Protein backbone atom coordinates (compact mmCIF):
# COMPACT_ATOMS: atom_id res chain seq x y z
CA UNK A 1 18.13 -16.03 29.07
CA UNK A 2 14.60 -14.61 29.40
CA UNK A 3 14.41 -14.01 25.64
CA UNK A 4 15.56 -17.58 25.01
CA UNK A 5 12.78 -18.92 27.23
CA UNK A 6 10.18 -16.72 25.48
CA UNK A 7 11.33 -17.88 22.05
CA UNK A 8 11.14 -21.52 23.15
CA UNK A 9 7.64 -20.97 24.53
CA UNK A 10 6.43 -19.34 21.34
CA UNK A 11 8.02 -22.03 19.15
CA UNK A 12 6.06 -24.63 21.13
CA UNK A 13 2.82 -22.75 20.49
CA UNK A 14 3.66 -22.30 16.81
CA UNK A 15 4.36 -26.03 16.41
CA UNK A 16 0.88 -26.79 17.73
CA UNK A 17 -0.92 -24.14 15.65
CA UNK A 18 1.09 -24.65 12.46
CA UNK A 19 1.50 -28.41 12.36
CA UNK A 20 2.63 -28.41 8.73
CA UNK A 21 6.32 -27.58 9.05
CA UNK A 22 7.49 -28.48 5.52
CA UNK A 23 5.74 -25.73 3.61
CA UNK A 24 7.43 -24.59 0.41
CA UNK A 25 8.67 -21.02 0.52
CA UNK A 26 6.76 -18.75 -1.87
CA UNK A 27 9.67 -17.27 -3.82
CA UNK A 28 9.38 -15.43 -7.13
CA UNK A 29 12.34 -14.61 -9.35
CA UNK A 30 14.66 -16.84 -7.29
CA UNK A 31 17.98 -15.29 -8.25
CA UNK A 32 21.28 -16.30 -6.67
CA UNK A 33 23.73 -13.87 -8.18
CA UNK A 34 24.98 -12.19 -5.00
CA UNK A 35 26.29 -12.91 -1.54
CA UNK A 36 24.93 -9.56 -0.34
CA UNK A 37 21.19 -9.64 0.29
CA UNK A 38 19.25 -6.52 1.22
CA UNK A 39 15.90 -7.46 2.78
CA UNK A 40 12.99 -5.04 2.41
CA UNK A 41 9.57 -5.70 3.93
CA UNK A 42 6.63 -3.84 2.32
CA UNK A 43 3.35 -5.46 3.21
CA UNK A 44 1.35 -3.83 0.35
CA UNK A 45 1.87 -1.88 -2.85
CA UNK A 46 1.10 1.29 -0.86
CA UNK A 47 4.16 0.86 1.34
CA UNK A 48 6.26 -0.11 -1.68
CA UNK A 49 5.22 3.02 -3.57
CA UNK A 50 5.81 5.26 -0.54
CA UNK A 51 9.35 3.94 -0.16
CA UNK A 52 10.14 3.26 -3.82
CA UNK A 53 12.44 6.27 -4.26
CA UNK A 54 14.41 5.23 -1.20
CA UNK A 55 14.61 1.57 -2.25
CA UNK A 56 15.98 2.66 -5.63
CA UNK A 57 18.94 4.18 -3.77
CA UNK A 58 20.07 0.74 -2.55
CA UNK A 59 23.41 0.11 -4.29
CA UNK A 60 23.53 -2.43 -7.11
CA UNK A 61 26.03 -4.58 -5.20
CA UNK A 62 23.10 -5.81 -3.09
CA UNK A 63 20.54 -8.34 -4.26
CA UNK A 64 17.19 -6.84 -3.27
CA UNK A 65 14.83 -9.27 -1.52
CA UNK A 66 11.31 -7.87 -1.24
CA UNK A 67 8.96 -9.33 1.35
CA UNK A 68 5.17 -9.11 1.44
CA UNK A 69 2.58 -11.23 3.20
CA UNK A 70 0.07 -11.18 0.33
CA UNK A 71 0.78 -13.06 -2.88
CA UNK A 72 -1.52 -10.78 -4.91
CA UNK A 73 1.27 -8.17 -4.84
CA UNK A 74 3.98 -10.42 -6.26
CA UNK A 75 3.48 -9.39 -9.88
CA UNK A 76 3.31 -5.67 -9.04
CA UNK A 77 6.50 -5.86 -6.98
CA UNK A 78 8.34 -7.47 -9.87
CA UNK A 79 7.02 -4.83 -12.27
CA UNK A 80 8.48 -2.14 -10.00
CA UNK A 81 11.74 -4.01 -9.31
CA UNK A 82 12.32 -6.65 -12.03
CA UNK A 83 15.68 -7.72 -10.55
CA UNK A 84 14.31 -8.35 -7.07
CA UNK A 85 13.57 -11.64 -5.36
CA UNK A 86 10.02 -11.55 -3.98
CA UNK A 87 9.07 -13.69 -0.98
CA UNK A 88 5.51 -14.03 0.31
CA UNK A 89 5.50 -14.66 4.06
CA UNK A 90 2.91 -16.74 5.89
CA UNK A 91 3.94 -15.42 9.31
CA UNK A 92 4.85 -18.81 10.75
CA UNK A 93 8.19 -19.73 12.25
CA UNK A 94 9.02 -22.61 9.92
CA UNK A 95 9.83 -20.25 7.04
CA UNK A 96 12.16 -18.01 9.07
CA UNK A 97 15.20 -20.28 9.30
CA UNK A 98 14.84 -21.29 5.64
CA UNK A 99 14.81 -17.66 4.51
CA UNK A 100 17.73 -16.68 6.75
CA UNK A 101 19.78 -19.64 5.50
CA UNK A 102 18.99 -19.20 1.81
CA UNK A 103 19.22 -15.40 1.73
CA UNK A 104 21.36 -14.29 4.71
CA UNK A 105 20.82 -10.53 4.95
CA UNK A 106 23.49 -7.87 4.98
CA UNK A 107 20.87 -5.21 5.81
CA UNK A 108 17.16 -5.14 6.57
CA UNK A 109 14.61 -2.41 5.84
CA UNK A 110 11.01 -2.39 7.12
CA UNK A 111 8.83 0.16 5.34
CA UNK A 112 6.25 2.01 7.44
CA UNK A 113 4.61 -0.91 9.26
CA UNK A 114 4.62 -2.63 11.62
CA UNK A 115 6.51 -0.46 14.12
CA UNK A 116 5.00 -2.51 16.91
CA UNK A 117 4.58 -6.22 16.39
CA UNK A 118 1.20 -7.03 14.81
CA UNK A 119 0.04 -3.45 15.21
CA UNK A 120 -1.09 -3.42 11.60
CA UNK A 121 -2.80 -6.06 9.44
CA UNK A 122 0.35 -7.80 8.23
CA UNK A 123 2.34 -10.94 9.03
CA UNK A 124 5.91 -10.16 10.02
CA UNK A 125 7.25 -12.42 12.77
CA UNK A 126 9.67 -11.40 15.48
CA UNK A 127 11.70 -14.54 14.73
CA UNK A 128 12.55 -13.46 11.16
CA UNK A 129 14.07 -10.17 12.28
CA UNK A 130 15.69 -11.83 15.28
CA UNK A 131 17.53 -14.25 12.97
CA UNK A 132 18.61 -11.31 10.79
CA UNK A 133 20.03 -9.61 13.86
CA UNK A 134 21.87 -12.82 14.83
CA UNK A 135 23.53 -12.59 11.41
CA UNK A 136 24.70 -9.07 12.34
CA UNK A 137 22.45 -7.32 9.83
CA UNK A 138 21.51 -3.72 10.75
CA UNK A 139 17.71 -3.43 10.87
CA UNK A 140 16.03 -0.14 9.97
CA UNK A 141 12.39 0.94 9.91
CA UNK A 142 11.41 4.00 7.85
CA UNK A 143 8.30 6.17 7.47
CA UNK A 144 6.89 4.63 10.63
CA UNK A 145 3.23 4.84 11.51
CA UNK A 146 1.00 3.23 14.15
CA UNK A 147 -2.41 1.77 13.29
CA UNK A 148 -3.39 0.82 16.86
CA UNK A 149 -5.09 -2.33 15.59
CA UNK A 150 -5.63 -5.35 17.79
CA UNK A 151 -3.69 -8.45 16.64
CA UNK A 152 -5.70 -10.47 14.14
CA UNK A 153 -5.61 -13.75 16.07
CA UNK A 154 -4.70 -15.19 19.48
CA UNK A 155 -1.31 -16.41 18.26
CA UNK A 156 -0.38 -12.90 17.06
CA UNK A 157 -1.65 -11.43 20.33
CA UNK A 158 0.55 -13.82 22.31
CA UNK A 159 3.57 -13.08 20.10
CA UNK A 160 3.07 -9.37 20.69
CA UNK A 161 2.67 -9.93 24.44
CA UNK A 162 5.97 -11.83 24.55
CA UNK A 163 8.09 -9.74 22.19
CA UNK A 164 6.61 -6.23 21.93
CA UNK A 165 9.62 -4.50 23.52
CA UNK A 166 12.15 -7.02 22.16
CA UNK A 167 10.87 -6.37 18.64
CA UNK A 168 11.34 -2.60 18.96
CA UNK A 169 14.82 -3.11 20.39
CA UNK A 170 15.87 -5.08 17.29
CA UNK A 171 15.83 -1.89 15.21
CA UNK A 172 19.02 0.12 14.86
CA UNK A 173 17.09 3.04 13.39
CA UNK A 174 13.41 4.04 13.45
CA UNK A 175 12.19 7.04 11.47
CA UNK A 176 8.56 8.08 12.00
CA UNK A 177 6.10 10.46 10.41
CA UNK A 178 5.05 12.53 13.45
CA UNK A 179 6.09 13.53 16.95
CA UNK A 180 3.04 11.72 18.31
CA UNK A 181 4.30 8.39 16.94
CA UNK A 182 7.77 9.06 18.33
CA UNK A 183 6.37 9.83 21.78
CA UNK A 184 4.35 6.62 21.84
CA UNK A 185 7.38 4.52 20.95
CA UNK A 186 9.42 6.36 23.58
CA UNK A 187 6.78 5.49 26.17
CA UNK A 188 7.62 1.81 25.53
CA UNK A 189 11.41 1.80 25.08
CA UNK A 190 12.35 5.15 26.60
CA UNK A 191 14.19 8.08 25.00
CA UNK A 192 16.42 6.82 22.22
CA UNK A 193 18.89 8.34 19.76
CA UNK A 194 17.73 5.83 17.15
CA UNK A 195 14.29 7.50 16.92
CA UNK A 196 13.83 10.35 14.41
CA UNK A 197 10.87 12.30 13.03
CA UNK A 198 11.35 12.71 9.27
CA UNK A 199 7.82 13.43 8.02
CA UNK A 200 5.77 11.37 5.59
CA UNK A 201 7.49 10.04 2.46
CA UNK A 202 4.10 9.71 0.75
CA UNK A 203 4.16 13.47 0.02
CA UNK A 204 7.31 12.99 -2.06
CA UNK A 205 5.25 10.80 -4.39
CA UNK A 206 3.67 13.96 -5.85
CA UNK A 207 6.69 14.41 -8.09
CA UNK A 208 6.46 10.84 -9.38
CA UNK A 209 4.23 10.74 -12.45
CA UNK A 210 5.54 7.38 -13.63
CA UNK A 211 3.34 4.31 -13.85
CA UNK A 212 3.55 0.78 -15.15
CA UNK A 213 1.44 -0.93 -17.82
CA UNK A 214 0.45 -4.29 -16.42
CA UNK A 215 -0.25 -5.73 -19.86
CA UNK A 216 -1.11 -4.89 -23.47
CA UNK A 217 -4.82 -4.80 -22.60
CA UNK A 218 -4.25 -1.88 -20.22
CA UNK A 219 -1.97 -0.16 -22.70
CA UNK A 220 -4.73 -0.31 -25.31
CA UNK A 221 -7.48 0.72 -22.87
CA UNK A 222 -5.51 3.77 -21.80
CA UNK A 223 -5.03 4.76 -25.44
CA UNK A 224 -8.80 4.54 -25.95
CA UNK A 225 -9.49 6.58 -22.82
CA UNK A 226 -6.99 9.27 -23.89
CA UNK A 227 -8.70 9.56 -27.27
CA UNK A 228 -12.16 9.53 -25.73
CA UNK A 229 -14.05 12.84 -25.72
CA UNK A 230 -16.48 11.66 -23.04
CA UNK A 231 -15.84 12.67 -19.41
CA UNK A 232 -14.08 9.96 -17.37
CA UNK A 233 -14.79 9.43 -13.67
CA UNK A 234 -12.60 6.99 -11.74
CA UNK A 235 -13.31 5.67 -8.25
CA UNK A 236 -10.17 4.09 -6.80
CA UNK A 237 -9.56 1.98 -3.69
CA UNK A 238 -13.26 1.42 -3.06
CA UNK A 239 -13.30 -1.03 -0.18
CA UNK A 240 -16.70 -1.42 1.52
CA UNK A 241 -20.21 -2.44 0.46
CA UNK A 242 -21.58 0.97 1.42
CA UNK A 243 -18.85 2.59 -0.67
CA UNK A 244 -19.74 0.57 -3.77
CA UNK A 245 -23.30 1.85 -3.23
CA UNK A 246 -22.06 5.42 -2.79
CA UNK A 247 -20.14 5.43 -6.08
CA UNK A 248 -22.66 3.54 -8.20
CA UNK A 249 -25.66 5.47 -6.90
CA UNK A 250 -23.84 8.73 -7.69
CA UNK A 251 -22.98 7.42 -11.16
CA UNK A 252 -26.59 6.38 -11.74
CA UNK A 253 -27.72 9.94 -10.95
CA UNK A 254 -24.93 11.49 -13.01
CA UNK A 255 -25.73 9.65 -16.26
CA UNK A 256 -29.19 11.20 -16.22
CA UNK A 257 -27.55 14.53 -17.10
CA UNK A 258 -24.20 13.25 -18.38
CA UNK A 259 -25.23 10.16 -20.40
CA UNK A 260 -21.75 9.67 -21.90
CA UNK A 261 -19.94 9.67 -18.55
CA UNK A 262 -17.44 6.82 -18.36
CA UNK A 263 -16.84 5.15 -14.99
CA UNK A 264 -13.78 3.18 -13.90
CA UNK A 265 -14.22 1.61 -10.47
CA UNK A 266 -11.27 -0.08 -8.76
CA UNK A 267 -12.13 -2.24 -5.74
CA UNK A 268 -9.44 -2.21 -3.05
CA UNK A 269 -9.60 -5.99 -2.63
CA UNK A 270 -10.47 -7.65 -5.96
CA UNK A 271 -9.36 -10.99 -4.51
CA UNK A 272 -12.37 -10.91 -2.13
CA UNK A 273 -15.01 -12.96 -3.95
CA UNK A 274 -17.86 -11.79 -1.71
CA UNK A 275 -17.06 -8.16 -2.44
CA UNK A 276 -16.72 -8.77 -6.16
CA UNK A 277 -20.05 -10.60 -6.25
CA UNK A 278 -21.74 -7.67 -4.51
CA UNK A 279 -20.09 -5.12 -6.79
CA UNK A 280 -21.01 -6.90 -10.03
CA UNK A 281 -24.60 -7.43 -8.85
CA UNK A 282 -24.92 -3.76 -7.92
CA UNK A 283 -23.34 -2.71 -11.21
CA UNK A 284 -25.86 -4.77 -13.20
CA UNK A 285 -28.66 -2.74 -11.60
CA UNK A 286 -27.09 0.45 -12.97
CA UNK A 287 -25.95 -0.50 -16.48
CA UNK A 288 -25.55 -3.45 -18.81
CA UNK A 289 -22.50 -1.81 -20.40
CA UNK A 290 -19.91 -2.92 -17.86
CA UNK A 291 -16.92 -5.25 -17.97
CA UNK A 292 -14.24 -6.63 -15.65
CA UNK A 293 -10.68 -5.84 -16.67
CA UNK A 294 -9.63 -9.42 -15.84
CA UNK A 295 -12.14 -10.81 -18.35
CA UNK A 296 -10.89 -8.81 -21.35
CA UNK A 297 -8.88 -11.30 -23.39
CA UNK A 298 -8.44 -9.50 -26.71
CA UNK A 299 -7.34 -5.99 -27.61
CA UNK A 300 -10.46 -3.81 -27.13
CA UNK A 301 -11.62 -1.48 -29.91
CA UNK A 302 -14.34 0.38 -28.01
CA UNK A 303 -14.97 1.37 -24.40
CA UNK A 304 -17.91 0.19 -22.34
CA UNK A 305 -19.62 2.67 -20.06
CA UNK A 306 -18.09 1.05 -16.96
CA UNK A 307 -14.80 -0.72 -16.39
CA UNK A 308 -14.23 -2.65 -13.16
CA UNK A 309 -10.48 -2.47 -12.61
CA UNK A 310 -10.22 -5.73 -10.65
CA UNK A 311 -6.47 -6.15 -11.13
CA UNK A 312 -3.67 -5.12 -8.77
CA UNK A 313 -0.99 -2.46 -9.30
CA UNK A 314 -2.61 -0.53 -12.18
CA UNK A 315 -4.65 2.16 -10.49
CA UNK A 316 -2.11 4.96 -10.86
CA UNK A 317 -1.96 4.45 -14.62
CA UNK A 318 -5.73 4.86 -14.87
CA UNK A 319 -5.75 7.94 -12.64
CA UNK A 320 -3.55 9.57 -15.29
CA UNK A 321 -6.38 9.63 -17.87
CA UNK A 322 -9.29 10.54 -15.57
CA UNK A 323 -11.14 13.85 -15.55
CA UNK A 324 -12.57 13.37 -12.06
CA UNK A 325 -11.49 11.07 -9.24
CA UNK A 326 -13.04 9.66 -6.12
CA UNK A 327 -10.58 8.06 -3.67
CA UNK A 328 -11.89 5.43 -1.28
CA UNK A 329 -12.08 6.36 2.38
CA UNK A 330 -8.75 6.11 4.23
CA UNK A 331 -6.68 5.59 1.08
CA UNK A 332 -4.06 7.40 -1.01
CA UNK A 333 -5.14 10.74 -2.50
CA UNK A 334 -1.62 11.61 -3.64
CA UNK A 335 -1.56 9.37 -6.72
CA UNK A 336 -4.31 11.32 -8.55
CA UNK A 337 -2.98 14.61 -7.14
CA UNK A 338 0.31 13.87 -8.87
CA UNK A 339 -1.62 14.29 -12.14
CA UNK A 340 -3.47 17.46 -10.97
CA UNK A 341 -6.83 15.69 -10.84
CA UNK A 342 -9.89 17.02 -8.97
CA UNK A 343 -10.63 14.63 -6.12
CA UNK A 344 -13.63 13.87 -3.95
CA UNK A 345 -13.50 11.76 -0.79
CA UNK A 346 -15.97 10.58 1.80
CA UNK A 347 -15.80 12.51 5.05
CA UNK A 348 -14.77 11.31 8.54
CA UNK A 349 -11.55 9.37 7.93
CA UNK A 350 -9.98 7.12 10.54
CA UNK A 351 -7.33 9.01 12.51
CA UNK A 352 -5.22 5.88 13.04
CA UNK A 353 -4.64 5.30 9.31
CA UNK A 354 -1.29 6.41 7.79
CA UNK A 355 -3.34 8.14 5.08
CA UNK A 356 -4.94 10.44 7.67
CA UNK A 357 -2.18 13.11 7.86
CA UNK A 358 -2.20 13.30 4.05
CA UNK A 359 -5.99 13.62 4.05
CA UNK A 360 -5.89 16.42 6.63
CA UNK A 361 -3.12 18.34 4.86
CA UNK A 362 -4.74 18.13 1.41
CA UNK A 363 -8.18 18.96 2.80
CA UNK A 364 -6.79 22.02 4.62
CA UNK A 365 -5.11 23.11 1.38
CA UNK A 366 -8.47 22.69 -0.41
CA UNK A 367 -6.96 20.18 -2.81
CA UNK A 368 -9.71 17.62 -2.17
CA UNK A 369 -13.45 17.90 -1.64
CA UNK A 370 -15.44 16.01 1.01
CA UNK A 371 -18.85 14.49 0.34
CA UNK A 372 -21.27 12.95 2.83
CA UNK A 373 -23.41 10.79 0.54
CA UNK A 374 -24.06 9.72 -3.05
CA UNK A 375 -26.15 12.80 -3.82
CA UNK A 376 -23.31 15.12 -2.85
CA UNK A 377 -20.90 13.02 -4.90
CA UNK A 378 -23.24 13.26 -7.90
CA UNK A 379 -23.51 17.04 -7.46
CA UNK A 380 -19.70 17.28 -7.30
CA UNK A 381 -19.36 15.24 -10.50
CA UNK A 382 -21.86 17.46 -12.30
CA UNK A 383 -20.29 20.79 -11.36
CA UNK A 384 -16.56 19.96 -11.27
CA UNK A 385 -14.41 21.16 -14.14
CA UNK A 386 -11.83 18.94 -15.87
CA UNK A 387 -9.68 22.07 -16.11
CA UNK A 388 -8.84 21.85 -12.39
CA UNK A 389 -5.19 22.42 -11.53
CA UNK A 390 -3.11 23.34 -8.51
CA UNK A 391 0.43 24.26 -7.63
CA UNK A 392 2.62 21.64 -6.00
CA UNK A 393 4.16 24.56 -4.09
CA UNK A 394 1.17 24.25 -1.78
CA UNK A 395 2.65 21.04 -0.43
CA UNK A 396 6.36 21.89 -0.69
CA UNK A 397 6.63 22.30 3.07
CA UNK A 398 5.52 18.69 3.52
CA UNK A 399 8.02 17.09 1.12
CA UNK A 400 11.62 16.03 1.68
CA UNK A 401 11.10 13.03 3.97
CA UNK A 402 12.72 10.64 1.49
CA UNK A 403 15.98 12.60 1.44
CA UNK A 404 16.00 12.79 5.24
CA UNK A 405 15.58 9.03 5.44
CA UNK A 406 18.37 8.45 2.93
CA UNK A 407 20.68 10.60 5.07
CA UNK A 408 19.80 8.67 8.21
CA UNK A 409 20.30 5.33 6.45
CA UNK A 410 23.55 6.39 4.76
CA UNK A 411 22.95 3.75 2.08
CA UNK A 412 26.21 2.09 1.16
């Protein structure tokens, strides 16, 4: 009865905030070839990649329905899972009943976040999972991590206030990366047999050297980079103004002694026009030989000094041809490590990020190098050897989370 009252109260608020109730669902690859739908929520390509090996274990009898809350990932999701239906959520309540009616789930999987409602920057409503539970679908969350973010708006804050505990109780299984996360969840719902520590599935990605060509332009560019005798430096997941400065100032210093150095810089959020304007302006101060990947229309025959990789879902492919890599603060160092690349990162990462345990483990194993400023990054570029290599045995003790999760899920 109390839950019914809370749902009614929140529906009233949602009807005031989201007055447009007849929005069209954002559905890509709208297939209807199954009565068995397996929902899987992965807010970004990072969560999808972390859980990709597990998702591939879902039996073919299920029609996979991938959820995100950002339409920029739609194409990348379909590249990874061409037979999936991809739905982009807006977080409102109007879409929930439509989705549940059109694609009634047999099972539901939430990958990594959010363990707590609106803990992380993504839009997954309590109502959507509640309707799945009403349809008797088991709901599982894997590779769980807590960001400890504040909700992004007042409506999300109110939804979390109303349903924080109810949301956690919807899950039939929660696997988490660390004991600390487990203890925090237990402080909210009490000791529970549905809570398990399985480690971080991101470490299992070290064995995955596969990548996807987004288009023929990238396929051709990667051929040119492979044949190129010049050193190649890639800066991936660069996400802040100061970080654009860090990379480009280091590059500007480096080309004084390494004039043929090629730079590939991949902004974390190429859809952010303000960030792209800043990056391109800053780049113009460094070199006139730069181009945006999105603006290349014909098959290239030569490489410019700088490529701005402002497309989504391609970064791993470009890591494969780099000699040296910089990974943006708080982001995934395992993709370039999978190719045995030397890696530099900025120091002082955020402890709440799911990338933090990976950062600490790889730093302790001396698989990555920390820099404090652009001068240190330049010095690292100048002295680092492309012949760098390491043994994956160093991280063997951290792998195996995917298999543990598969055992807990008993996919069938």
